[in-house]
Amino acid sequence: AVVSTQSTGCSVVCELAGYLCAADQWNIPVVSHSCSSDDLSKTDKYPTFARLSLSVFKYTKSIIAICQKFEWSKVGLMVNNIDWYVKTAGKMKDLMTNREENEMYQIDVFLEKFYFDEDNESGSYDESSDTYKLLVEQLNRMKQKVRVIIIVGYARDIIFVLKTAKKQGMNNGHFAFITQEFIQADLNKEDKDLIQSIEGVLDLEPLLNKTDKNYISFSERVRKIVDEKQYPKTGKDANLVAAQMYDAVWLYAKALEEAVKNNYGIEDGERLVESMDGQNWTGMSGEILIDNTGDRRGNVQIMNIQNGDFKQVGTWWMSKEPNESLSLSVDNIAWPGAPEDHPAACGRQYELCQTTSDAIAKITLLSLVCMAFLFGLLVRLYLYNRTNK
């Protein structure tokens, strides 16, 4: 078996590993702790792949629920122009705009594909670079249409968008930003510009009970090993990553146990992954339920970034009765720019929306102005003709 530990660019690596290890190739199970490409859910293409992370697409309904809560009927979707991200964002847009399919709420979605220079990360922030100029243009287009922006990409992409948005004055209390699994970013809390740029962001991630005794004990062991081995310390939540990795190994072990119980060979990777369907237990990374695509179907915790720290403000329940329900502590949310109330989809002055009655009122007013102008012109013409007789 292959248990993936790759982090940067993990989904690209998992897609390659999943393809090579598929049943018609090597027939070896691949269990990932962090890969989030929606394409990996395709069992016909990746029949021996399973994972402990949520796919990016599986966050969509929690996003719809949040939008419904705040009556955000229009949003922007900023996505890194990497093929699998673009495909996933397209699926997200389709679901969000189709109320019959999502069975919740219809949202107008404006999608922009941005770029990030992987070979020259610092160069992306150069205000004279084409990458930076393009992002500024895209954010300015977004400002004309929406007040809520969902960012889909790696942590470095999210930081790039948020820092640029701050420079464009978009942390002024009028905008909201939503991300997925940004908590796993390596954040330098000494970087004041970064901390100000990410303030108030809503981040979605698998629900993790950090008050659980087993998790606390596990975290302490992880910290001890990091200290003993003198591993470099970062701003990442190493305990969360370690917990998902730990559970990935457990998932494979549970599949091996099923094989032994049912007397079939552990060399059959596809059958091992099929046996993971329905596996349900409380692991170090929270409640775990594996579905028939090898994906984790987990609950989502809604985090709010406050002074560089991630504070839980809500939960989207997917594997607990009642299914697909939102609990949210609205009063505990700090929004970008610290406004008194949440950003409005149409803008605080209703400047981005126009109802039929608004349009009729504007047309009526314009008509009255035109009539008044014509009447005034006729009066002047009448007086002129009378004077010159």
Protein backbone atom coordinates (compact mmCIF):
# COMPACT_ATOMS: atom_id res chain seq x y z
CA ALA A 1 0.00 0.00 0.00
CA VAL A 2 0.95 3.62 -0.47
CA VAL A 3 0.05 6.03 2.35
CA SER A 4 0.54 9.53 0.95
CA THR A 5 2.50 12.09 2.96
CA GLN A 6 2.93 14.66 0.21
CA SER A 7 1.69 18.16 1.05
CA THR A 8 2.66 20.79 -1.53
CA GLY A 9 0.91 19.99 -4.79
CA CYS A 10 -0.46 16.88 -3.10
CA SER A 11 -3.45 16.36 -5.40
CA VAL A 12 -1.31 16.29 -8.54
CA VAL A 13 0.92 13.66 -6.90
CA CYS A 14 -2.10 11.65 -5.71
CA GLU A 15 -3.65 11.66 -9.18
CA LEU A 16 -0.44 10.23 -10.64
CA ALA A 17 -0.04 7.67 -7.83
CA GLY A 18 -3.72 6.77 -8.00
CA TYR A 19 -3.49 6.17 -11.74
CA LEU A 20 -0.36 3.99 -11.50
CA CYS A 21 -1.76 2.02 -8.57
CA ALA A 22 -5.18 1.46 -10.19
CA ALA A 23 -6.55 -2.05 -10.65
CA ASP A 24 -5.56 -2.24 -14.33
CA GLN A 25 -2.01 -1.15 -13.46
CA TRP A 26 -0.46 -2.25 -10.14
CA ASN A 27 -3.67 -2.81 -8.14
CA ILE A 28 -2.18 -1.26 -4.98
CA PRO A 29 -4.30 0.73 -2.49
CA VAL A 30 -3.42 4.41 -2.00
CA VAL A 31 -4.63 6.10 1.19
CA SER A 32 -4.11 9.85 1.44
CA HIS A 33 -4.40 12.14 4.44
CA SER A 34 -4.62 15.44 2.55
CA CYS A 35 -5.32 15.22 -1.20
CA SER A 36 -8.47 17.16 -2.09
CA SER A 37 -8.92 16.93 -5.89
CA ASP A 38 -12.53 16.15 -6.76
CA ASP A 39 -11.31 14.01 -9.68
CA LEU A 40 -10.00 11.45 -7.16
CA SER A 41 -13.61 10.55 -6.30
CA LYS A 42 -14.04 8.87 -9.69
CA THR A 43 -13.94 5.17 -8.87
CA ASP A 44 -13.71 4.13 -12.53
CA LYS A 45 -10.46 6.09 -12.83
CA TYR A 46 -9.06 5.65 -9.29
CA PRO A 47 -10.58 2.39 -7.97
CA THR A 48 -7.81 1.81 -5.41
CA PHE A 49 -7.76 5.32 -3.92
CA ALA A 50 -9.17 6.46 -0.55
CA ARG A 51 -8.57 9.51 1.63
CA LEU A 52 -9.08 11.04 5.04
CA SER A 53 -9.42 14.60 3.78
CA LEU A 54 -12.56 16.10 2.27
CA SER A 55 -12.55 16.89 -1.43
CA VAL A 56 -12.86 20.61 -2.17
CA PHE A 57 -16.23 19.99 -3.82
CA LYS A 58 -17.67 18.41 -0.66
CA TYR A 59 -17.47 21.79 1.05
CA THR A 60 -19.95 23.29 -1.44
CA LYS A 61 -23.14 22.62 0.51
CA SER A 62 -21.67 24.11 3.67
CA ILE A 63 -20.87 27.24 1.63
CA ILE A 64 -24.43 27.33 0.30
CA ALA A 65 -25.76 27.02 3.86
CA ILE A 66 -23.62 29.96 5.02
CA CYS A 67 -24.77 32.06 2.06
CA GLN A 68 -28.38 31.22 2.85
CA LYS A 69 -27.87 32.18 6.49
CA PHE A 70 -26.63 35.66 5.56
CA GLU A 71 -28.86 36.00 2.47
CA TRP A 72 -25.87 36.18 0.15
CA SER A 73 -27.53 35.61 -3.22
CA LYS A 74 -24.45 36.43 -5.30
CA VAL A 75 -20.79 35.52 -4.75
CA GLY A 76 -17.46 35.61 -6.51
CA LEU A 77 -15.43 32.43 -7.00
CA MET A 78 -11.67 33.01 -7.35
CA VAL A 79 -9.91 29.81 -8.43
CA ASN A 80 -6.28 28.95 -9.16
CA ASN A 81 -5.92 28.16 -12.85
CA ILE A 82 -4.76 24.59 -12.19
CA ASP A 83 -6.77 22.07 -14.18
CA TRP A 84 -8.29 20.09 -11.30
CA TYR A 85 -9.11 23.25 -9.33
CA VAL A 86 -10.86 24.77 -12.36
CA LYS A 87 -12.91 21.61 -12.92
CA THR A 88 -13.88 21.50 -9.24
CA ALA A 89 -14.82 25.20 -9.22
CA GLY A 90 -17.01 24.59 -12.26
CA LYS A 91 -18.87 21.85 -10.39
CA MET A 92 -19.19 24.09 -7.34
CA LYS A 93 -20.68 26.85 -9.49
CA ASP A 94 -23.15 24.46 -11.14
CA LEU A 95 -24.38 23.20 -7.76
CA MET A 96 -24.63 26.65 -6.21
CA THR A 97 -26.64 28.07 -9.09
CA ASN A 98 -29.06 25.13 -9.29
CA ARG A 99 -31.54 25.24 -6.42
CA GLU A 100 -33.32 22.07 -7.56
CA GLU A 101 -30.06 20.12 -7.38
CA ASN A 102 -28.70 21.53 -4.12
CA GLU A 103 -32.20 21.59 -2.55
CA MET A 104 -31.27 24.65 -0.52
CA TYR A 105 -30.67 28.06 -2.07
CA GLN A 106 -29.87 29.57 -5.45
CA ILE A 107 -26.77 31.75 -5.75
CA ASP A 108 -25.43 33.73 -8.71
CA VAL A 109 -21.74 32.92 -9.11
CA PHE A 110 -19.11 35.01 -10.92
CA LEU A 111 -15.97 32.96 -11.60
CA GLU A 112 -12.45 34.26 -12.17
CA LYS A 113 -9.35 32.10 -12.80
CA PHE A 114 -6.18 33.63 -11.40
CA TYR A 115 -2.53 32.62 -11.79
CA PHE A 116 0.33 32.12 -9.36
CA ASP A 117 3.95 31.91 -10.43
CA GLU A 118 5.15 28.67 -8.80
CA ASP A 119 8.69 29.14 -10.08
CA ASN A 120 8.95 32.66 -8.66
CA GLU A 121 6.57 33.06 -5.71
CA SER A 122 7.95 36.42 -4.60
CA GLY A 123 7.68 37.61 -8.20
CA SER A 124 3.92 37.12 -8.09
CA TYR A 125 3.76 39.94 -5.53
CA ASP A 126 5.76 42.29 -7.76
CA GLU A 127 3.24 44.99 -8.67
CA SER A 128 4.84 45.33 -12.09
CA SER A 129 4.42 41.61 -12.90
CA ASP A 130 1.69 40.41 -15.26
CA THR A 131 0.52 37.91 -12.61
CA TYR A 132 -0.10 40.66 -10.07
CA LYS A 133 -1.66 43.07 -12.57
CA LEU A 134 -4.09 40.38 -13.77
CA LEU A 135 -5.20 39.59 -10.22
CA VAL A 136 -5.80 43.29 -9.54
CA GLU A 137 -7.97 43.50 -12.66
CA GLN A 138 -9.91 40.43 -11.58
CA LEU A 139 -10.48 41.74 -8.04
CA ASN A 140 -11.64 45.09 -9.44
CA ARG A 141 -14.15 43.25 -11.63
CA MET A 142 -15.31 41.34 -8.56
CA LYS A 143 -15.75 44.61 -6.62
CA GLN A 144 -18.23 45.75 -9.27
CA LYS A 145 -20.35 42.62 -8.89
CA VAL A 146 -20.12 41.00 -5.43
CA ARG A 147 -19.29 41.51 -1.77
CA VAL A 148 -18.62 37.84 -0.93
CA ILE A 149 -15.61 36.02 -2.42
CA ILE A 150 -14.78 32.31 -2.19
CA ILE A 151 -11.12 31.48 -2.81
CA VAL A 152 -10.24 28.01 -4.15
CA GLY A 153 -6.56 27.11 -4.22
CA TYR A 154 -3.53 26.13 -2.19
CA ALA A 155 -2.65 28.09 0.95
CA ARG A 156 -0.07 30.15 -0.95
CA ASP A 157 -2.79 31.10 -3.49
CA ILE A 158 -5.19 32.15 -0.74
CA ILE A 159 -2.52 34.35 0.84
CA PHE A 160 -1.73 35.89 -2.56
CA VAL A 161 -5.38 36.80 -3.17
CA LEU A 162 -6.00 38.11 0.37
CA LYS A 163 -2.85 40.24 0.47
CA THR A 164 -3.68 41.72 -2.93
CA ALA A 165 -7.30 42.29 -1.91
CA LYS A 166 -6.09 44.22 1.15
CA LYS A 167 -4.00 46.47 -1.09
CA GLN A 168 -7.16 47.14 -3.12
CA GLY A 169 -8.96 48.25 0.04
CA MET A 170 -11.22 45.19 0.23
CA ASN A 171 -10.79 44.68 3.98
CA ASN A 172 -12.88 47.79 4.60
CA GLY A 173 -15.88 46.09 6.21
CA HIS A 174 -17.81 45.60 2.97
CA PHE A 175 -16.41 42.21 1.91
CA ALA A 176 -16.41 38.63 3.22
CA PHE A 177 -13.96 35.89 2.21
CA ILE A 178 -14.43 32.10 2.45
CA THR A 179 -11.62 29.51 2.16
CA GLN A 180 -11.17 25.75 2.64
CA GLU A 181 -8.53 24.13 4.88
CA PHE A 182 -6.51 27.33 5.09
CA ILE A 183 -5.79 26.35 8.70
CA GLN A 184 -3.05 24.06 7.36
CA ALA A 185 -1.11 27.04 6.00
CA ASP A 186 2.32 27.88 7.41
CA LEU A 187 1.52 31.35 8.77
CA ASN A 188 4.15 33.72 10.07
CA LYS A 189 2.40 35.59 12.86
CA GLU A 190 5.21 38.15 12.93
CA ASP A 191 4.12 39.28 9.46
CA LYS A 192 1.70 42.07 10.37
CA ASP A 193 0.64 42.62 6.76
CA LEU A 194 -0.29 38.93 6.46
CA ILE A 195 -2.23 38.90 9.75
CA GLN A 196 -4.17 42.01 8.71
CA SER A 197 -4.87 40.52 5.26
CA ILE A 198 -6.39 37.29 6.61
CA GLU A 199 -8.36 38.88 9.47
CA GLY A 200 -12.04 37.92 9.45
CA VAL A 201 -11.78 35.12 6.89
CA LEU A 202 -14.19 32.18 7.26
CA ASP A 203 -12.27 28.92 6.79
CA LEU A 204 -13.88 25.50 6.38
CA GLU A 205 -12.17 22.27 7.47
CA PRO A 206 -13.01 18.77 8.75
CA LEU A 207 -14.53 18.94 12.24
CA LEU A 208 -11.94 18.22 14.89
CA ASN A 209 -12.78 17.97 18.58
CA LYS A 210 -9.69 19.50 20.19
CA THR A 211 -11.17 18.99 23.67
CA ASP A 212 -11.30 15.20 23.21
CA LYS A 213 -9.01 13.44 25.71
CA ASN A 214 -7.58 11.10 23.07
CA TYR A 215 -6.77 14.02 20.77
CA ILE A 216 -5.14 16.00 23.59
CA SER A 217 -3.00 12.99 24.52
CA PHE A 218 -2.12 12.41 20.85
CA SER A 219 -1.17 16.09 20.42
CA GLU A 220 1.12 15.96 23.42
CA ARG A 221 2.90 12.91 21.97
CA VAL A 222 3.30 14.66 18.61
CA ARG A 223 4.81 17.74 20.25
CA LYS A 224 7.16 15.56 22.28
CA ILE A 225 8.39 13.72 19.18
CA VAL A 226 8.86 17.02 17.31
CA ASP A 227 11.00 18.31 20.19
CA GLU A 228 12.98 15.08 20.61
CA LYS A 229 13.71 14.75 16.89
CA GLN A 230 14.35 18.51 16.63
CA TYR A 231 12.08 18.80 13.62
CA PRO A 232 11.71 22.36 12.31
CA LYS A 233 8.66 24.08 13.77
CA THR A 234 6.27 26.01 11.52
CA GLY A 235 3.02 27.90 11.84
CA LYS A 236 1.07 24.87 10.64
CA ASP A 237 -1.25 22.90 12.89
CA ALA A 238 1.08 19.89 12.93
CA ASN A 239 -1.28 18.01 15.24
CA LEU A 240 -4.10 18.12 12.68
CA VAL A 241 -1.84 16.88 9.86
CA ALA A 242 -0.44 14.14 12.10
CA ALA A 243 -3.96 13.14 13.19
CA GLN A 244 -5.15 12.74 9.59
CA MET A 245 -2.01 10.77 8.75
CA TYR A 246 -2.57 8.54 11.78
CA ASP A 247 -6.17 7.88 10.72
CA ALA A 248 -5.08 7.13 7.14
CA VAL A 249 -2.91 4.29 8.47
CA TRP A 250 -5.82 3.11 10.62
CA LEU A 251 -8.14 3.06 7.61
CA TYR A 252 -5.74 0.79 5.75
CA ALA A 253 -5.40 -1.41 8.85
CA LYS A 254 -9.19 -1.75 9.06
CA ALA A 255 -9.29 -2.85 5.42
CA LEU A 256 -6.62 -5.49 6.12
CA GLU A 257 -8.68 -6.70 9.06
CA GLU A 258 -11.73 -7.09 6.78
CA ALA A 259 -9.61 -9.07 4.31
CA VAL A 260 -8.45 -11.47 7.00
CA LYS A 261 -11.97 -11.90 8.38
CA ASN A 262 -13.45 -12.62 4.96
CA ASN A 263 -10.57 -14.78 3.66
CA TYR A 264 -9.54 -12.78 0.60
CA GLY A 265 -6.05 -11.72 -0.38
CA ILE A 266 -4.59 -8.46 0.82
CA GLU A 267 -2.83 -8.10 -2.53
CA ASP A 268 -6.14 -7.11 -4.19
CA GLY A 269 -6.02 -3.33 -3.84
CA GLU A 270 -9.39 -2.65 -5.42
CA ARG A 271 -11.19 -5.03 -3.08
CA LEU A 272 -9.39 -3.59 -0.07
CA VAL A 273 -10.60 -0.09 -0.96
CA GLU A 274 -14.13 -1.39 -1.60
CA SER A 275 -14.13 -2.81 1.94
CA MET A 276 -13.46 0.69 3.29
CA ASP A 277 -16.95 1.76 2.20
CA GLY A 278 -19.01 2.36 5.33
CA GLN A 279 -16.06 2.32 7.74
CA ASN A 280 -17.15 4.56 10.58
CA TRP A 281 -15.20 5.41 13.73
CA THR A 282 -13.98 8.35 15.79
CA GLY A 283 -10.34 8.84 14.92
CA MET A 284 -7.73 11.32 16.03
CA SER A 285 -8.95 13.76 13.36
CA GLY A 286 -12.59 13.51 14.44
CA GLU A 287 -15.60 11.51 13.31
CA ILE A 288 -14.84 9.48 10.18
CA LEU A 289 -17.24 7.94 7.68
CA ILE A 290 -15.94 6.58 4.37
CA ASP A 291 -18.39 6.56 1.45
CA ASN A 292 -18.54 4.36 -1.65
CA THR A 293 -16.05 6.54 -3.55
CA GLY A 294 -13.37 6.10 -0.89
CA ASP A 295 -13.97 9.68 0.28
CA ARG A 296 -14.38 10.89 3.81
CA ARG A 297 -17.89 12.12 4.50
CA GLY A 298 -17.24 14.25 7.52
CA ASN A 299 -18.66 17.16 9.41
CA VAL A 300 -17.25 20.61 8.69
CA GLN A 301 -16.14 23.12 11.28
CA ILE A 302 -16.39 26.77 10.38
CA MET A 303 -13.40 28.73 11.61
CA ASN A 304 -13.00 32.50 11.80
CA ILE A 305 -9.53 34.05 11.72
CA GLN A 306 -9.13 36.53 14.58
CA ASN A 307 -5.72 38.13 15.24
CA GLY A 308 -4.01 35.29 13.36
CA ASP A 309 -5.77 32.54 15.33
CA PHE A 310 -8.49 30.20 14.05
CA LYS A 311 -11.62 30.33 16.23
CA GLN A 312 -14.48 27.89 15.72
CA VAL A 313 -17.76 29.73 15.15
CA GLY A 314 -19.94 27.02 13.65
CA THR A 315 -20.47 23.53 12.28
CA TRP A 316 -21.99 22.02 9.15
CA TRP A 317 -23.27 18.56 10.00
CA MET A 318 -23.04 15.94 7.23
CA SER A 319 -22.85 12.71 9.22
CA LYS A 320 -25.00 13.50 12.22
CA GLU A 321 -28.76 13.79 12.58
CA PRO A 322 -30.21 15.98 11.29
CA ASN A 323 -27.98 15.61 8.23
CA GLU A 324 -26.93 18.72 6.34
CA SER A 325 -27.74 21.25 9.03
CA LEU A 326 -25.87 24.41 10.00
CA SER A 327 -25.13 25.75 13.46
CA LEU A 328 -23.43 29.14 13.51
CA SER A 329 -22.56 31.63 16.28
CA VAL A 330 -23.06 34.78 14.25
CA ASP A 331 -22.27 37.11 17.17
CA ASN A 332 -18.82 35.54 17.58
CA ILE A 333 -17.72 36.22 13.99
CA ALA A 334 -15.20 38.99 13.34
CA TRP A 335 -15.55 40.28 9.76
CA PRO A 336 -12.77 41.90 7.69
CA GLY A 337 -12.61 45.55 8.64
CA ALA A 338 -14.59 44.95 11.86
CA PRO A 339 -18.01 46.23 10.69
CA GLU A 340 -20.94 46.10 13.11
CA ASP A 341 -22.87 43.75 10.84
CA HIS A 342 -22.03 41.09 8.25
CA PRO A 343 -21.28 42.18 4.67
CA ALA A 344 -24.37 42.42 2.46
CA ALA A 345 -24.56 40.61 -0.86
CA CYS A 346 -25.81 43.73 -2.62
CA GLY A 347 -23.57 46.14 -0.72
CA ARG A 348 -24.51 48.17 2.33
CA GLN A 349 -26.14 50.81 0.11
CA TYR A 350 -27.76 48.15 -2.06
CA GLU A 351 -25.52 49.42 -4.85
CA LEU A 352 -24.94 46.03 -6.53
CA CYS A 353 -28.55 44.94 -6.87
CA GLN A 354 -31.50 46.26 -8.76
CA THR A 355 -35.01 44.87 -8.47
CA THR A 356 -37.74 45.29 -11.07
CA SER A 357 -39.29 48.04 -8.95
CA ASP A 358 -35.91 49.80 -8.79
CA ALA A 359 -35.63 49.65 -12.57
CA ILE A 360 -39.18 50.97 -13.03
CA ALA A 361 -38.49 53.81 -10.59
CA LYS A 362 -35.31 54.78 -12.45
CA ILE A 363 -37.08 54.68 -15.83
CA THR A 364 -39.97 56.72 -14.45
CA LEU A 365 -37.62 59.30 -12.99
CA LEU A 366 -35.64 59.53 -16.23
CA SER A 367 -38.87 59.94 -18.19
CA LEU A 368 -40.04 62.75 -15.90
CA VAL A 369 -36.70 64.53 -16.27
CA CYS A 370 -36.91 64.24 -20.07
CA MET A 371 -40.50 65.49 -20.08
CA ALA A 372 -39.57 68.43 -17.86
CA PHE A 373 -36.67 69.27 -20.18
CA LEU A 374 -38.91 69.12 -23.27
CA PHE A 375 -41.60 71.17 -21.55
CA GLY A 376 -39.06 73.80 -20.59
CA LEU A 377 -37.73 73.85 -24.16
CA LEU A 378 -41.24 74.30 -25.58
CA VAL A 379 -41.98 77.13 -23.13
CA ARG A 380 -38.81 78.95 -24.12
CA LEU A 381 -39.60 78.44 -27.81
CA TYR A 382 -43.12 79.80 -27.26
CA LEU A 383 -41.85 82.85 -25.41
CA TYR A 384 -39.19 83.49 -28.04
CA ASN A 385 -41.75 83.37 -30.89
CA ARG A 386 -44.12 85.65 -28.98
CA THR A 387 -41.40 88.19 -28.26
CA ASN A 388 -40.33 88.41 -31.93
CA LYS A 389 -43.75 88.90 -33.44
